[in-house]
Amino acid sequence: MVLKVFRWGPGTRERLQTDPTLAFRYACRVGMCGSCAMVINGRERWACRTLLAGLPRGAVTLRPLYNFPLIRDLVVDMAPIKSKMLATKAVFVPARRAGEEASFAAIGSETKERRAIDAAVECIGCGMCVSACTMVGHDARFPGPAALNRVFTLQRDSRDSAHAERGEALLSEDVLARCHGQANCTEVCPMQLSPTDSILALRRRAILRLFGFSPR
């Protein structure tokens, strides 16, 4: 078995060619955390879940995720996921009433509200969808599928008080309108989520608001 590994790091390329070490990221080692995400044979995958026996015969290519700053070899800086989340206000803003503490009432797993977001809540931030998204590489202002998937879950959360504020930001030409619906993000998601569906749902809600209707 031949592995062709992308090598890069601070310093000269000549030094890396003779450096026997290899930088890569891993954590749980049981196929849960997503830390080992990389591009294997041209497709985003979790390394720990990828069996060599399941790949085509011949050399196997390994390279770091696309659309992230490269630290060294197969390790990228995941900070853009956090920055995109903050830029799109993809954080929970609890509703507060005068004289009361923030409301964190539980939403039952069998309720209609929870079932509406069941297909989107299990994102673990592995970054594979961001790597696969061609628009992230094309437009630096596009939030990307991970952030928009998170926004979708918050816009459907009755306990959150930032729906209107996020809704205005979503109408920017570099947000919902920038997604071309190629579904690359959905295709590579190891959790079987569909950020594409979340983005389409946000579009429908945005259109309803534009015409004066209240999204359900």
N, C-alpha and C. Protein backbone atom coordinates (compact mmCIF):
# COMPACT_ATOMS: atom_id res chain seq x y z
N MET A 1 0.84 -1.19 0.00
CA MET A 1 0.00 0.00 0.00
C MET A 1 0.88 1.24 0.00
N VAL A 2 0.62 2.15 -0.93
CA VAL A 2 1.38 3.39 -1.03
C VAL A 2 0.50 4.55 -0.61
N LEU A 3 0.99 5.36 0.33
CA LEU A 3 0.29 6.55 0.77
C LEU A 3 1.01 7.78 0.23
N LYS A 4 0.27 8.62 -0.49
CA LYS A 4 0.82 9.88 -0.96
C LYS A 4 0.24 10.98 -0.08
N VAL A 5 1.10 11.57 0.75
CA VAL A 5 0.65 12.51 1.78
C VAL A 5 1.10 13.92 1.45
N PHE A 6 0.18 14.85 1.54
CA PHE A 6 0.50 16.27 1.37
C PHE A 6 1.37 16.70 2.53
N ARG A 7 2.52 17.32 2.23
CA ARG A 7 3.44 17.78 3.28
C ARG A 7 3.61 19.29 3.18
N TRP A 8 3.40 19.96 4.28
CA TRP A 8 3.64 21.40 4.33
C TRP A 8 3.74 21.82 5.78
N GLY A 9 4.50 22.86 6.02
CA GLY A 9 4.59 23.39 7.36
C GLY A 9 5.48 24.60 7.39
N PRO A 10 5.57 25.27 8.55
CA PRO A 10 6.46 26.42 8.67
C PRO A 10 7.89 26.01 8.33
N GLY A 11 8.55 26.78 7.50
CA GLY A 11 9.90 26.43 7.09
C GLY A 11 9.94 26.08 5.61
N THR A 12 10.99 25.49 5.19
CA THR A 12 11.15 25.19 3.77
C THR A 12 10.60 23.83 3.42
N ARG A 13 10.17 23.67 2.18
CA ARG A 13 9.66 22.39 1.71
C ARG A 13 10.76 21.35 1.72
N GLU A 14 12.00 21.78 1.49
CA GLU A 14 13.10 20.83 1.48
C GLU A 14 13.25 20.15 2.83
N ARG A 15 13.04 20.93 3.91
CA ARG A 15 13.16 20.34 5.24
C ARG A 15 12.09 19.28 5.46
N LEU A 16 10.87 19.56 4.99
CA LEU A 16 9.79 18.61 5.19
C LEU A 16 10.01 17.32 4.40
N GLN A 17 10.67 17.44 3.27
CA GLN A 17 10.89 16.24 2.46
C GLN A 17 11.75 15.22 3.20
N THR A 18 12.60 15.71 4.11
CA THR A 18 13.49 14.79 4.85
C THR A 18 13.06 14.60 6.29
N ASP A 19 11.98 15.27 6.71
CA ASP A 19 11.49 15.15 8.09
C ASP A 19 10.68 13.86 8.21
N PRO A 20 11.08 12.95 9.11
CA PRO A 20 10.38 11.67 9.23
C PRO A 20 9.05 11.76 9.98
N THR A 21 8.74 12.93 10.57
CA THR A 21 7.50 13.05 11.33
C THR A 21 6.36 13.49 10.43
N LEU A 22 5.14 13.23 10.89
CA LEU A 22 3.95 13.62 10.15
C LEU A 22 2.92 14.16 11.13
N ALA A 23 2.40 15.34 10.85
CA ALA A 23 1.41 15.95 11.73
C ALA A 23 0.00 15.63 11.25
N PHE A 24 -0.82 15.09 12.14
CA PHE A 24 -2.22 14.86 11.86
C PHE A 24 -2.99 14.95 13.17
N ARG A 25 -4.29 15.10 13.07
CA ARG A 25 -5.10 15.31 14.27
C ARG A 25 -6.00 14.11 14.53
N TYR A 26 -6.12 13.74 15.80
CA TYR A 26 -7.07 12.71 16.19
C TYR A 26 -7.40 12.92 17.66
N ALA A 27 -8.47 12.32 18.14
CA ALA A 27 -8.85 12.48 19.54
C ALA A 27 -9.49 11.21 20.09
N CYS A 28 -10.75 10.96 19.72
CA CYS A 28 -11.50 9.89 20.39
C CYS A 28 -11.09 8.50 19.96
N ARG A 29 -10.66 8.32 18.70
CA ARG A 29 -10.24 7.04 18.14
C ARG A 29 -11.36 6.00 18.06
N VAL A 30 -12.61 6.46 18.19
CA VAL A 30 -13.73 5.52 18.09
C VAL A 30 -14.78 6.01 17.09
N GLY A 31 -14.42 6.93 16.23
CA GLY A 31 -15.35 7.38 15.20
C GLY A 31 -16.49 8.23 15.70
N MET A 32 -16.20 9.17 16.60
CA MET A 32 -17.26 10.01 17.14
C MET A 32 -16.97 11.51 17.06
N CYS A 33 -15.71 11.91 17.21
CA CYS A 33 -15.40 13.33 17.40
C CYS A 33 -15.19 14.09 16.10
N GLY A 34 -14.75 13.44 15.05
CA GLY A 34 -14.51 14.11 13.78
C GLY A 34 -13.19 14.83 13.68
N SER A 35 -12.33 14.71 14.70
CA SER A 35 -11.04 15.41 14.68
C SER A 35 -10.13 14.97 13.55
N CYS A 36 -10.27 13.73 13.10
CA CYS A 36 -9.36 13.19 12.10
C CYS A 36 -9.81 13.44 10.67
N ALA A 37 -10.75 14.34 10.48
CA ALA A 37 -11.26 14.62 9.13
C ALA A 37 -10.14 15.10 8.21
N MET A 38 -10.10 14.56 7.02
CA MET A 38 -9.14 14.96 6.00
C MET A 38 -9.70 14.56 4.64
N VAL A 39 -8.98 14.89 3.59
CA VAL A 39 -9.41 14.53 2.24
C VAL A 39 -8.62 13.29 1.81
N ILE A 40 -9.33 12.19 1.63
CA ILE A 40 -8.71 10.91 1.26
C ILE A 40 -9.20 10.52 -0.13
N ASN A 41 -8.27 10.37 -1.03
CA ASN A 41 -8.62 10.06 -2.43
C ASN A 41 -9.63 11.06 -3.01
N GLY A 42 -9.41 12.33 -2.66
CA GLY A 42 -10.23 13.39 -3.23
C GLY A 42 -11.58 13.61 -2.58
N ARG A 43 -11.85 12.92 -1.48
CA ARG A 43 -13.15 13.07 -0.81
C ARG A 43 -12.95 13.25 0.68
N GLU A 44 -13.75 14.14 1.27
CA GLU A 44 -13.67 14.37 2.71
C GLU A 44 -14.15 13.13 3.46
N ARG A 45 -13.32 12.68 4.40
CA ARG A 45 -13.67 11.48 5.19
C ARG A 45 -13.07 11.60 6.58
N TRP A 46 -13.62 10.80 7.49
CA TRP A 46 -12.97 10.60 8.78
C TRP A 46 -11.93 9.50 8.58
N ALA A 47 -10.69 9.78 8.92
CA ALA A 47 -9.63 8.79 8.71
C ALA A 47 -9.88 7.53 9.54
N CYS A 48 -10.41 7.70 10.75
CA CYS A 48 -10.57 6.53 11.62
C CYS A 48 -11.67 5.59 11.13
N ARG A 49 -12.57 6.09 10.29
CA ARG A 49 -13.64 5.24 9.77
C ARG A 49 -13.36 4.75 8.35
N THR A 50 -12.24 5.15 7.80
CA THR A 50 -11.93 4.78 6.42
C THR A 50 -11.02 3.56 6.38
N LEU A 51 -11.52 2.46 5.84
CA LEU A 51 -10.74 1.24 5.72
C LEU A 51 -10.00 1.23 4.39
N LEU A 52 -8.73 0.94 4.41
CA LEU A 52 -7.95 0.87 3.18
C LEU A 52 -8.54 -0.18 2.24
N ALA A 53 -9.10 -1.23 2.81
CA ALA A 53 -9.68 -2.29 1.98
C ALA A 53 -10.89 -1.79 1.19
N GLY A 54 -11.49 -0.71 1.66
CA GLY A 54 -12.66 -0.19 0.98
C GLY A 54 -12.34 0.84 -0.10
N LEU A 55 -11.06 1.16 -0.28
CA LEU A 55 -10.64 2.13 -1.28
C LEU A 55 -10.17 1.41 -2.54
N PRO A 56 -10.19 2.09 -3.67
CA PRO A 56 -9.71 1.47 -4.92
C PRO A 56 -8.24 1.06 -4.79
N ARG A 57 -7.86 0.05 -5.51
CA ARG A 57 -6.47 -0.40 -5.49
C ARG A 57 -5.57 0.70 -6.04
N GLY A 58 -4.35 0.73 -5.53
CA GLY A 58 -3.40 1.75 -5.96
C GLY A 58 -3.05 2.69 -4.83
N ALA A 59 -2.31 3.73 -5.16
CA ALA A 59 -1.87 4.69 -4.16
C ALA A 59 -3.06 5.43 -3.55
N VAL A 60 -2.97 5.70 -2.24
CA VAL A 60 -4.00 6.44 -1.52
C VAL A 60 -3.47 7.83 -1.22
N THR A 61 -4.19 8.86 -1.65
CA THR A 61 -3.74 10.23 -1.42
C THR A 61 -4.40 10.82 -0.18
N LEU A 62 -3.61 11.51 0.60
CA LEU A 62 -4.09 12.17 1.82
C LEU A 62 -3.71 13.64 1.74
N ARG A 63 -4.68 14.50 2.01
CA ARG A 63 -4.38 15.93 2.07
C ARG A 63 -5.30 16.57 3.12
N PRO A 64 -4.93 17.74 3.61
CA PRO A 64 -5.76 18.40 4.63
C PRO A 64 -7.08 18.91 4.05
N LEU A 65 -8.01 19.23 4.93
CA LEU A 65 -9.29 19.78 4.50
C LEU A 65 -9.07 21.07 3.72
N TYR A 66 -9.93 21.30 2.74
CA TYR A 66 -9.90 22.55 1.98
C TYR A 66 -10.57 23.66 2.79
N ASN A 67 -10.30 24.88 2.39
CA ASN A 67 -10.98 26.08 2.92
C ASN A 67 -10.69 26.39 4.38
N PHE A 68 -9.60 25.81 4.91
CA PHE A 68 -9.15 26.13 6.25
C PHE A 68 -7.67 26.53 6.20
N PRO A 69 -7.22 27.44 7.08
CA PRO A 69 -5.80 27.76 7.13
C PRO A 69 -4.99 26.51 7.51
N LEU A 70 -3.91 26.31 6.81
CA LEU A 70 -3.09 25.12 7.04
C LEU A 70 -2.05 25.40 8.12
N ILE A 71 -1.96 24.50 9.09
CA ILE A 71 -0.96 24.62 10.14
C ILE A 71 0.29 23.82 9.77
N ARG A 72 0.08 22.54 9.51
CA ARG A 72 1.18 21.70 9.04
C ARG A 72 0.62 20.36 8.56
N ASP A 73 1.17 19.87 7.50
CA ASP A 73 0.82 18.55 6.95
C ASP A 73 -0.70 18.40 6.83
N LEU A 74 -1.30 17.51 7.65
CA LEU A 74 -2.73 17.23 7.57
C LEU A 74 -3.55 17.97 8.62
N VAL A 75 -2.93 18.92 9.30
CA VAL A 75 -3.59 19.65 10.38
C VAL A 75 -3.98 21.05 9.92
N VAL A 76 -5.24 21.39 10.07
CA VAL A 76 -5.73 22.72 9.71
C VAL A 76 -6.23 23.45 10.94
N ASP A 77 -6.33 24.75 10.82
CA ASP A 77 -6.85 25.60 11.89
C ASP A 77 -8.37 25.64 11.76
N MET A 78 -9.09 25.16 12.77
CA MET A 78 -10.55 25.10 12.71
C MET A 78 -11.23 26.39 13.15
N ALA A 79 -10.45 27.44 13.43
CA ALA A 79 -11.01 28.70 13.91
C ALA A 79 -12.07 29.29 13.00
N PRO A 80 -11.98 29.15 11.65
CA PRO A 80 -13.02 29.73 10.80
C PRO A 80 -14.44 29.26 11.11
N ILE A 81 -14.58 28.03 11.59
CA ILE A 81 -15.93 27.56 11.95
C ILE A 81 -16.51 28.43 13.06
N LYS A 82 -15.70 28.70 14.08
CA LYS A 82 -16.16 29.54 15.19
C LYS A 82 -16.45 30.95 14.71
N SER A 83 -15.55 31.52 13.90
CA SER A 83 -15.75 32.90 13.44
C SER A 83 -17.00 33.04 12.58
N LYS A 84 -17.27 32.03 11.74
CA LYS A 84 -18.48 32.06 10.91
C LYS A 84 -19.73 31.93 11.77
N MET A 85 -19.66 31.11 12.81
CA MET A 85 -20.79 30.98 13.73
C MET A 85 -21.10 32.32 14.38
N LEU A 86 -20.07 32.99 14.85
CA LEU A 86 -20.27 34.27 15.52
C LEU A 86 -20.77 35.33 14.54
N ALA A 87 -20.25 35.31 13.31
CA ALA A 87 -20.65 36.31 12.32
C ALA A 87 -22.12 36.19 11.94
N THR A 88 -22.64 34.97 11.95
CA THR A 88 -24.05 34.76 11.60
C THR A 88 -24.95 34.71 12.84
N LYS A 89 -24.37 35.01 14.00
CA LYS A 89 -25.10 34.98 15.27
C LYS A 89 -25.71 33.59 15.52
N ALA A 90 -24.91 32.58 15.18
CA ALA A 90 -25.37 31.20 15.37
C ALA A 90 -25.11 30.73 16.79
N VAL A 91 -25.55 31.55 17.74
CA VAL A 91 -25.44 31.22 19.16
C VAL A 91 -26.80 31.46 19.82
N PHE A 92 -27.09 30.69 20.81
CA PHE A 92 -28.39 30.78 21.47
C PHE A 92 -28.50 32.06 22.28
N VAL A 93 -29.59 32.82 22.06
CA VAL A 93 -29.85 34.05 22.81
C VAL A 93 -31.14 33.84 23.59
N PRO A 94 -31.05 33.53 24.87
CA PRO A 94 -32.26 33.20 25.63
C PRO A 94 -33.22 34.37 25.75
N ALA A 95 -34.50 34.06 25.65
CA ALA A 95 -35.54 35.08 25.82
C ALA A 95 -35.66 35.42 27.30
N ARG A 96 -35.75 36.70 27.59
CA ARG A 96 -35.87 37.15 28.98
C ARG A 96 -37.11 38.03 29.12
N ARG A 97 -37.82 37.84 30.20
CA ARG A 97 -38.95 38.70 30.52
C ARG A 97 -38.58 39.57 31.71
N ALA A 98 -39.20 40.72 31.79
CA ALA A 98 -38.88 41.66 32.86
C ALA A 98 -38.99 41.00 34.23
N GLY A 99 -37.90 41.09 34.98
CA GLY A 99 -37.91 40.53 36.33
C GLY A 99 -37.74 39.04 36.40
N GLU A 100 -37.52 38.39 35.28
CA GLU A 100 -37.37 36.93 35.28
C GLU A 100 -36.00 36.52 34.76
N GLU A 101 -35.59 35.35 35.16
CA GLU A 101 -34.35 34.79 34.64
C GLU A 101 -34.60 34.26 33.23
N ALA A 102 -33.52 34.01 32.51
CA ALA A 102 -33.64 33.48 31.16
C ALA A 102 -34.39 32.14 31.19
N SER A 103 -35.19 31.92 30.18
CA SER A 103 -35.97 30.70 30.11
C SER A 103 -35.19 29.60 29.37
N PHE A 104 -35.01 28.48 30.06
CA PHE A 104 -34.33 27.34 29.45
C PHE A 104 -35.21 26.10 29.53
N ALA A 105 -36.50 26.29 29.38
CA ALA A 105 -37.42 25.17 29.47
C ALA A 105 -37.06 24.11 28.44
N ALA A 106 -37.10 22.87 28.88
CA ALA A 106 -36.76 21.77 27.98
C ALA A 106 -37.82 21.60 26.91
N ILE A 107 -37.37 21.24 25.72
CA ILE A 107 -38.28 20.94 24.62
C ILE A 107 -38.27 19.43 24.42
N GLY A 108 -39.39 18.80 24.65
CA GLY A 108 -39.46 17.34 24.60
C GLY A 108 -39.06 16.77 23.25
N SER A 109 -38.43 15.61 23.25
CA SER A 109 -37.93 15.01 22.02
C SER A 109 -39.06 14.61 21.07
N GLU A 110 -40.27 14.46 21.59
CA GLU A 110 -41.39 14.06 20.74
C GLU A 110 -42.26 15.23 20.32
N THR A 111 -41.88 16.44 20.69
CA THR A 111 -42.69 17.60 20.31
C THR A 111 -42.47 17.96 18.85
N LYS A 112 -43.44 18.66 18.29
CA LYS A 112 -43.34 19.07 16.89
C LYS A 112 -42.15 19.99 16.68
N GLU A 113 -41.89 20.85 17.64
CA GLU A 113 -40.77 21.79 17.53
C GLU A 113 -39.43 21.06 17.46
N ARG A 114 -39.27 20.06 18.30
CA ARG A 114 -38.01 19.30 18.29
C ARG A 114 -37.89 18.44 17.04
N ARG A 115 -38.97 17.82 16.62
CA ARG A 115 -38.90 16.96 15.43
C ARG A 115 -38.53 17.76 14.19
N ALA A 116 -38.88 19.06 14.18
CA ALA A 116 -38.57 19.90 13.01
C ALA A 116 -37.08 20.10 12.81
N ILE A 117 -36.30 19.94 13.89
CA ILE A 117 -34.85 20.15 13.77
C ILE A 117 -34.04 18.89 14.04
N ASP A 118 -34.72 17.77 14.25
CA ASP A 118 -34.02 16.52 14.57
C ASP A 118 -32.93 16.20 13.56
N ALA A 119 -33.18 16.48 12.30
CA ALA A 119 -32.23 16.11 11.25
C ALA A 119 -31.03 17.05 11.18
N ALA A 120 -31.00 18.08 12.05
CA ALA A 120 -29.93 19.07 11.95
C ALA A 120 -29.12 19.28 13.23
N VAL A 121 -29.55 18.69 14.33
CA VAL A 121 -28.94 19.04 15.62
C VAL A 121 -27.67 18.27 15.97
N GLU A 122 -27.35 17.24 15.23
CA GLU A 122 -26.23 16.38 15.62
C GLU A 122 -24.89 16.79 15.01
N CYS A 123 -24.78 18.00 14.50
CA CYS A 123 -23.51 18.47 13.93
C CYS A 123 -22.44 18.52 15.02
N ILE A 124 -21.26 17.98 14.72
CA ILE A 124 -20.16 17.97 15.70
C ILE A 124 -19.02 18.89 15.28
N GLY A 125 -19.20 19.67 14.22
CA GLY A 125 -18.20 20.64 13.83
C GLY A 125 -16.92 20.05 13.28
N CYS A 126 -17.01 18.95 12.55
CA CYS A 126 -15.80 18.32 12.01
C CYS A 126 -15.21 19.09 10.84
N GLY A 127 -16.00 19.94 10.18
CA GLY A 127 -15.51 20.78 9.11
C GLY A 127 -15.54 20.17 7.72
N MET A 128 -16.00 18.94 7.60
CA MET A 128 -15.99 18.29 6.28
C MET A 128 -16.93 18.99 5.29
N CYS A 129 -18.07 19.45 5.77
CA CYS A 129 -19.00 20.14 4.88
C CYS A 129 -18.41 21.45 4.38
N VAL A 130 -17.69 22.14 5.24
CA VAL A 130 -17.05 23.40 4.86
C VAL A 130 -15.98 23.15 3.81
N SER A 131 -15.23 22.07 3.98
CA SER A 131 -14.19 21.71 3.01
C SER A 131 -14.78 21.39 1.65
N ALA A 132 -15.92 20.71 1.65
CA ALA A 132 -16.53 20.27 0.39
C ALA A 132 -17.29 21.37 -0.33
N CYS A 133 -17.59 22.47 0.36
CA CYS A 133 -18.42 23.53 -0.21
C CYS A 133 -17.59 24.42 -1.15
N THR A 134 -17.97 24.45 -2.41
CA THR A 134 -17.22 25.26 -3.37
C THR A 134 -17.44 26.76 -3.15
N MET A 135 -18.59 27.13 -2.60
CA MET A 135 -18.87 28.55 -2.41
C MET A 135 -18.06 29.14 -1.26
N VAL A 136 -17.69 28.33 -0.28
CA VAL A 136 -16.85 28.82 0.81
C VAL A 136 -15.51 29.27 0.25
N GLY A 137 -14.96 28.50 -0.69
CA GLY A 137 -13.70 28.87 -1.30
C GLY A 137 -13.83 30.04 -2.25
N HIS A 138 -15.01 30.25 -2.79
CA HIS A 138 -15.24 31.31 -3.78
C HIS A 138 -15.54 32.65 -3.13
N ASP A 139 -16.28 32.64 -2.04
CA ASP A 139 -16.74 33.88 -1.39
C ASP A 139 -16.42 33.81 0.09
N ALA A 140 -15.45 34.59 0.53
CA ALA A 140 -15.02 34.56 1.93
C ALA A 140 -16.11 35.04 2.88
N ARG A 141 -17.10 35.76 2.36
CA ARG A 141 -18.19 36.26 3.22
C ARG A 141 -19.33 35.27 3.38
N PHE A 142 -19.32 34.22 2.60
CA PHE A 142 -20.36 33.20 2.72
C PHE A 142 -20.13 32.42 4.02
N PRO A 143 -21.15 32.31 4.89
CA PRO A 143 -20.96 31.67 6.20
C PRO A 143 -20.60 30.19 6.11
N GLY A 144 -21.07 29.52 5.09
CA GLY A 144 -20.79 28.10 4.95
C GLY A 144 -21.89 27.23 5.55
N PRO A 145 -21.91 25.95 5.20
CA PRO A 145 -23.00 25.06 5.60
C PRO A 145 -23.09 24.79 7.09
N ALA A 146 -21.95 24.70 7.78
CA ALA A 146 -22.00 24.39 9.21
C ALA A 146 -22.69 25.50 9.99
N ALA A 147 -22.31 26.75 9.72
CA ALA A 147 -22.91 27.88 10.43
C ALA A 147 -24.39 28.03 10.10
N LEU A 148 -24.75 27.87 8.83
CA LEU A 148 -26.15 28.03 8.44
C LEU A 148 -27.02 26.89 8.97
N ASN A 149 -26.46 25.71 9.06
CA ASN A 149 -27.20 24.60 9.66
C ASN A 149 -27.52 24.89 11.12
N ARG A 150 -26.55 25.48 11.82
CA ARG A 150 -26.77 25.85 13.21
C ARG A 150 -27.81 26.97 13.32
N VAL A 151 -27.73 27.94 12.42
CA VAL A 151 -28.71 29.02 12.42
C VAL A 151 -30.13 28.47 12.26
N PHE A 152 -30.28 27.49 11.39
CA PHE A 152 -31.60 26.88 11.18
C PHE A 152 -32.18 26.33 12.47
N THR A 153 -31.37 25.62 13.25
CA THR A 153 -31.88 25.05 14.50
C THR A 153 -32.29 26.14 15.49
N LEU A 154 -31.57 27.26 15.48
CA LEU A 154 -31.90 28.35 16.39
C LEU A 154 -33.14 29.11 15.95
N GLN A 155 -33.31 29.26 14.65
CA GLN A 155 -34.49 29.96 14.14
C GLN A 155 -35.77 29.18 14.41
N ARG A 156 -35.66 27.89 14.67
CA ARG A 156 -36.83 27.07 14.99
C ARG A 156 -36.99 26.86 16.49
N ASP A 157 -36.12 27.49 17.30
CA ASP A 157 -36.16 27.31 18.75
C ASP A 157 -36.99 28.44 19.37
N SER A 158 -38.11 28.10 19.97
CA SER A 158 -39.02 29.10 20.53
C SER A 158 -38.42 29.82 21.74
N ARG A 159 -37.38 29.26 22.33
CA ARG A 159 -36.76 29.87 23.51
C ARG A 159 -35.76 30.95 23.13
N ASP A 160 -35.41 31.04 21.86
CA ASP A 160 -34.40 31.98 21.39
C ASP A 160 -35.05 33.31 21.03
N SER A 161 -34.36 34.42 21.32
CA SER A 161 -34.96 35.74 21.10
C SER A 161 -34.30 36.53 19.97
N ALA A 162 -33.44 35.91 19.18
CA ALA A 162 -32.71 36.65 18.14
C ALA A 162 -33.19 36.30 16.74
N HIS A 163 -34.39 35.77 16.61
CA HIS A 163 -34.89 35.37 15.29
C HIS A 163 -34.91 36.53 14.30
N ALA A 164 -35.45 37.66 14.70
CA ALA A 164 -35.58 38.80 13.79
C ALA A 164 -34.22 39.33 13.38
N GLU A 165 -33.31 39.43 14.33
CA GLU A 165 -31.97 39.95 14.04
C GLU A 165 -31.24 39.04 13.06
N ARG A 166 -31.30 37.73 13.29
CA ARG A 166 -30.66 36.80 12.36
C ARG A 166 -31.36 36.84 11.00
N GLY A 167 -32.68 36.95 11.04
CA GLY A 167 -33.43 36.95 9.79
C GLY A 167 -33.00 38.06 8.86
N GLU A 168 -32.71 39.24 9.40
CA GLU A 168 -32.25 40.36 8.58
C GLU A 168 -30.88 40.06 7.99
N ALA A 169 -29.99 39.48 8.79
CA ALA A 169 -28.64 39.18 8.31
C ALA A 169 -28.66 38.12 7.22
N LEU A 170 -29.61 37.19 7.30
CA LEU A 170 -29.68 36.11 6.32
C LEU A 170 -30.04 36.60 4.92
N LEU A 171 -30.64 37.80 4.83
CA LEU A 171 -31.06 38.34 3.55
C LEU A 171 -29.92 38.97 2.76
N SER A 172 -28.75 39.05 3.37
CA SER A 172 -27.58 39.58 2.66
C SER A 172 -27.28 38.73 1.43
N GLU A 173 -26.77 39.35 0.38
CA GLU A 173 -26.50 38.63 -0.86
C GLU A 173 -25.42 37.57 -0.70
N ASP A 174 -24.63 37.64 0.35
CA ASP A 174 -23.56 36.67 0.55
C ASP A 174 -23.94 35.54 1.51
N VAL A 175 -25.21 35.43 1.83
CA VAL A 175 -25.61 34.39 2.79
C VAL A 175 -26.49 33.36 2.07
N LEU A 176 -27.79 33.38 2.28
CA LEU A 176 -28.64 32.33 1.71
C LEU A 176 -28.61 32.31 0.19
N ALA A 177 -28.57 33.46 -0.42
CA ALA A 177 -28.59 33.52 -1.88
C ALA A 177 -27.31 32.98 -2.51
N ARG A 178 -26.25 32.90 -1.73
CA ARG A 178 -24.97 32.47 -2.29
C ARG A 178 -24.88 30.95 -2.45
N CYS A 179 -25.65 30.20 -1.68
CA CYS A 179 -25.64 28.74 -1.79
C CYS A 179 -26.27 28.33 -3.12
N HIS A 180 -25.58 27.49 -3.88
CA HIS A 180 -26.09 27.05 -5.18
C HIS A 180 -26.78 25.69 -5.11
N GLY A 181 -26.92 25.14 -3.92
CA GLY A 181 -27.66 23.89 -3.77
C GLY A 181 -26.99 22.68 -4.39
N GLN A 182 -25.67 22.67 -4.48
CA GLN A 182 -24.97 21.52 -5.05
C GLN A 182 -25.00 20.31 -4.12
N ALA A 183 -25.23 20.55 -2.83
CA ALA A 183 -25.35 19.48 -1.83
C ALA A 183 -24.06 18.71 -1.60
N ASN A 184 -22.90 19.31 -1.93
CA ASN A 184 -21.63 18.65 -1.59
C ASN A 184 -21.51 18.45 -0.09
N CYS A 185 -22.02 19.42 0.67
CA CYS A 185 -21.95 19.35 2.13
C CYS A 185 -22.72 18.15 2.65
N THR A 186 -23.90 17.95 2.10
CA THR A 186 -24.74 16.83 2.53
C THR A 186 -24.11 15.50 2.16
N GLU A 187 -23.49 15.45 0.99
CA GLU A 187 -22.90 14.20 0.52
C GLU A 187 -21.77 13.70 1.41
N VAL A 188 -21.00 14.62 2.01
CA VAL A 188 -19.83 14.18 2.78
C VAL A 188 -20.09 14.13 4.28
N CYS A 189 -21.24 14.60 4.74
CA CYS A 189 -21.47 14.65 6.20
C CYS A 189 -21.48 13.25 6.80
N PRO A 190 -20.57 12.97 7.74
CA PRO A 190 -20.50 11.63 8.34
C PRO A 190 -21.63 11.34 9.32
N MET A 191 -22.37 12.39 9.70
CA MET A 191 -23.50 12.22 10.62
C MET A 191 -24.82 12.10 9.88
N GLN A 192 -24.75 12.02 8.54
CA GLN A 192 -25.94 11.93 7.69
C GLN A 192 -26.89 13.12 7.88
N LEU A 193 -26.32 14.29 8.15
CA LEU A 193 -27.12 15.51 8.21
C LEU A 193 -27.22 16.10 6.81
N SER A 194 -28.13 17.03 6.62
CA SER A 194 -28.27 17.70 5.33
C SER A 194 -28.27 19.21 5.53
N PRO A 195 -27.09 19.82 5.58
CA PRO A 195 -27.05 21.29 5.64
C PRO A 195 -27.79 21.92 4.47
N THR A 196 -27.80 21.25 3.34
CA THR A 196 -28.53 21.78 2.18
C THR A 196 -30.00 21.96 2.51
N ASP A 197 -30.61 20.98 3.14
CA ASP A 197 -32.03 21.10 3.52
C ASP A 197 -32.24 22.23 4.53
N SER A 198 -31.29 22.38 5.44
CA SER A 198 -31.40 23.46 6.43
C SER A 198 -31.37 24.82 5.75
N ILE A 199 -30.48 24.98 4.77
CA ILE A 199 -30.37 26.24 4.04
C ILE A 199 -31.64 26.50 3.24
N LEU A 200 -32.17 25.47 2.60
CA LEU A 200 -33.41 25.64 1.84
C LEU A 200 -34.57 26.03 2.75
N ALA A 201 -34.60 25.44 3.95
CA ALA A 201 -35.65 25.79 4.91
C ALA A 201 -35.51 27.24 5.35
N LEU A 202 -34.29 27.71 5.55
CA LEU A 202 -34.07 29.11 5.91
C LEU A 202 -34.51 30.03 4.77
N ARG A 203 -34.29 29.61 3.54
CA ARG A 203 -34.74 30.41 2.40
C ARG A 203 -36.26 30.55 2.39
N ARG A 204 -36.94 29.45 2.64
CA ARG A 204 -38.40 29.49 2.65
C ARG A 204 -38.90 30.43 3.75
N ARG A 205 -38.28 30.39 4.91
CA ARG A 205 -38.67 31.26 6.01
C ARG A 205 -38.40 32.72 5.66
N ALA A 206 -37.26 32.97 4.99
CA ALA A 206 -36.91 34.34 4.61
C ALA A 206 -37.92 34.90 3.61
N ILE A 207 -38.34 34.08 2.67
CA ILE A 207 -39.32 34.53 1.66
C ILE A 207 -40.66 34.85 2.32
N LEU A 208 -41.08 34.03 3.27
CA LEU A 208 -42.33 34.29 3.98
C LEU A 208 -42.26 35.64 4.71
N ARG A 209 -41.12 35.90 5.35
CA ARG A 209 -40.96 37.16 6.07
C ARG A 209 -41.01 38.35 5.10
N LEU A 210 -40.39 38.18 3.93
CA LEU A 210 -40.37 39.27 2.95
C LEU A 210 -41.78 39.65 2.51
N PHE A 211 -42.68 38.67 2.48
CA PHE A 211 -44.05 38.92 2.05
C PHE A 211 -45.01 39.15 3.21
N GLY A 212 -44.42 39.31 4.39
CA GLY A 212 -45.23 39.67 5.55
C GLY A 212 -45.90 38.53 6.27
N PHE A 213 -45.50 37.30 5.95
CA PHE A 213 -46.07 36.14 6.63
C PHE A 213 -45.14 35.71 7.78
N SER A 214 -45.72 35.10 8.76
CA SER A 214 -44.93 34.61 9.89
C SER A 214 -44.56 33.16 9.67
N PRO A 215 -43.26 32.84 9.60
CA PRO A 215 -42.84 31.45 9.39
C PRO A 215 -43.29 30.57 10.55
N ARG A 216 -43.65 29.35 10.22
CA ARG A 216 -44.06 28.43 11.27
C ARG A 216 -42.84 27.79 11.91
